[in-house]
Structures are given as C-alpha cells and as structure tokens.
Amino acid sequence: MADYTEQNESSEFMKDHVRTWHGFLKLIKWLVIGSIILLIVLLIWRTHNG
C-alpha cells in the first residue's frame, strides 16, 4: 500500500494534469472562435468587394 507522500504526490500530479487539460481546452475553444470570426470576416469581405 502506498504511503502518504506517494498518495499526495499522485494527487498533486493529477491536479496539475487536470489544470493543464483545462487550459488546453480553453485554448482550443478560443482558437475555434477566432477562426470562425476570421472566416465570417473574409466571407463578408469577399461578397462585398465588387
């Protein structure tokens, strides 16, 4: 059975892993939103540019 320090280190590792994963998902979300905005702007510019 693992002692207290191994359990604590494992718990801290999982907290760091989950925090990193949430940061990655936030980055992907904003990249998708930015890409959609860019595509809409380019679509409007293309259809209204003579």
C-alpha atoms as a PDB file:
ATOM      1  CA  MET A   1       0.000   0.000   0.000  1.00  0.00           C
ATOM      2  CA  ALA A   2       1.301   3.462  -0.833  1.00  0.00           C
ATOM      3  CA  ASP A   3       2.294   5.718   1.986  1.00  0.00           C
ATOM      4  CA  TYR A   4       1.022   9.262   2.492  1.00  0.00           C
ATOM      5  CA  THR A   5       3.726  11.004   0.446  1.00  0.00           C
ATOM      6  CA  GLU A   6       3.115   8.844  -2.629  1.00  0.00           C
ATOM      7  CA  GLN A   7      -0.628   9.476  -2.444  1.00  0.00           C
ATOM      8  CA  ASN A   8      -0.057  13.207  -2.003  1.00  0.00           C
ATOM      9  CA  GLU A   9       2.358  13.353  -4.967  1.00  0.00           C
ATOM     10  CA  SER A  10      -0.086  11.406  -7.125  1.00  0.00           C
ATOM     11  CA  SER A  11      -2.893  13.757  -6.146  1.00  0.00           C
ATOM     12  CA  GLU A  12      -0.767  16.809  -6.945  1.00  0.00           C
ATOM     13  CA  PHE A  13       0.210  15.283 -10.284  1.00  0.00           C
ATOM     14  CA  MET A  14      -3.454  14.732 -11.163  1.00  0.00           C
ATOM     15  CA  LYS A  15      -4.335  18.301 -10.145  1.00  0.00           C
ATOM     16  CA  ASP A  16      -1.577  19.620 -12.418  1.00  0.00           C
ATOM     17  CA  HIS A  17      -2.686  17.305 -15.220  1.00  0.00           C
ATOM     18  CA  VAL A  18      -6.328  18.395 -14.955  1.00  0.00           C
ATOM     19  CA  ARG A  19      -5.318  22.076 -14.808  1.00  0.00           C
ATOM     20  CA  THR A  20      -3.179  21.642 -17.930  1.00  0.00           C
ATOM     21  CA  TRP A  21      -6.006  19.825 -19.719  1.00  0.00           C
ATOM     22  CA  HIS A  22      -8.483  22.605 -18.875  1.00  0.00           C
ATOM     23  CA  GLY A  23      -6.008  25.204 -20.159  1.00  0.00           C
ATOM     24  CA  PHE A  24      -5.570  23.246 -23.390  1.00  0.00           C
ATOM     25  CA  LEU A  25      -9.346  23.011 -23.894  1.00  0.00           C
ATOM     26  CA  LYS A  26      -9.698  26.753 -23.249  1.00  0.00           C
ATOM     27  CA  LEU A  27      -7.005  27.452 -25.859  1.00  0.00           C
ATOM     28  CA  ILE A  28      -8.726  25.217 -28.427  1.00  0.00           C
ATOM     29  CA  LYS A  29     -12.087  26.874 -27.715  1.00  0.00           C
ATOM     30  CA  TRP A  30     -10.688  30.367 -28.340  1.00  0.00           C
ATOM     31  CA  LEU A  31      -8.818  29.221 -31.456  1.00  0.00           C
ATOM     32  CA  VAL A  32     -12.066  27.819 -32.888  1.00  0.00           C
ATOM     33  CA  ILE A  33     -13.963  31.019 -32.024  1.00  0.00           C
ATOM     34  CA  GLY A  34     -11.199  33.144 -33.587  1.00  0.00           C
ATOM     35  CA  SER A  35     -11.172  31.005 -36.727  1.00  0.00           C
ATOM     36  CA  ILE A  36     -14.935  31.299 -37.124  1.00  0.00           C
ATOM     37  CA  ILE A  37     -14.769  35.091 -36.711  1.00  0.00           C
ATOM     38  CA  LEU A  38     -11.954  35.268 -39.278  1.00  0.00           C
ATOM     39  CA  LEU A  39     -13.909  33.133 -41.752  1.00  0.00           C
ATOM     40  CA  ILE A  40     -17.022  35.310 -41.331  1.00  0.00           C
ATOM     41  CA  VAL A  41     -14.990  38.489 -41.903  1.00  0.00           C
ATOM     42  CA  LEU A  42     -13.368  37.019 -45.003  1.00  0.00           C
ATOM     43  CA  LEU A  43     -16.746  35.843 -46.295  1.00  0.00           C
ATOM     44  CA  ILE A  44     -18.249  39.322 -45.852  1.00  0.00           C
ATOM     45  CA  TRP A  45     -15.199  40.953 -47.444  1.00  0.00           C
ATOM     46  CA  ARG A  46     -15.314  38.582 -50.419  1.00  0.00           C
ATOM     47  CA  THR A  47     -19.040  39.026 -51.079  1.00  0.00           C
ATOM     48  CA  HIS A  48     -18.920  42.843 -50.730  1.00  0.00           C
ATOM     49  CA  ASN A  49     -15.736  43.519 -52.684  1.00  0.00           C
ATOM     50  CA  GLY A  50     -17.045  44.286 -56.153  1.00  0.00           C
END
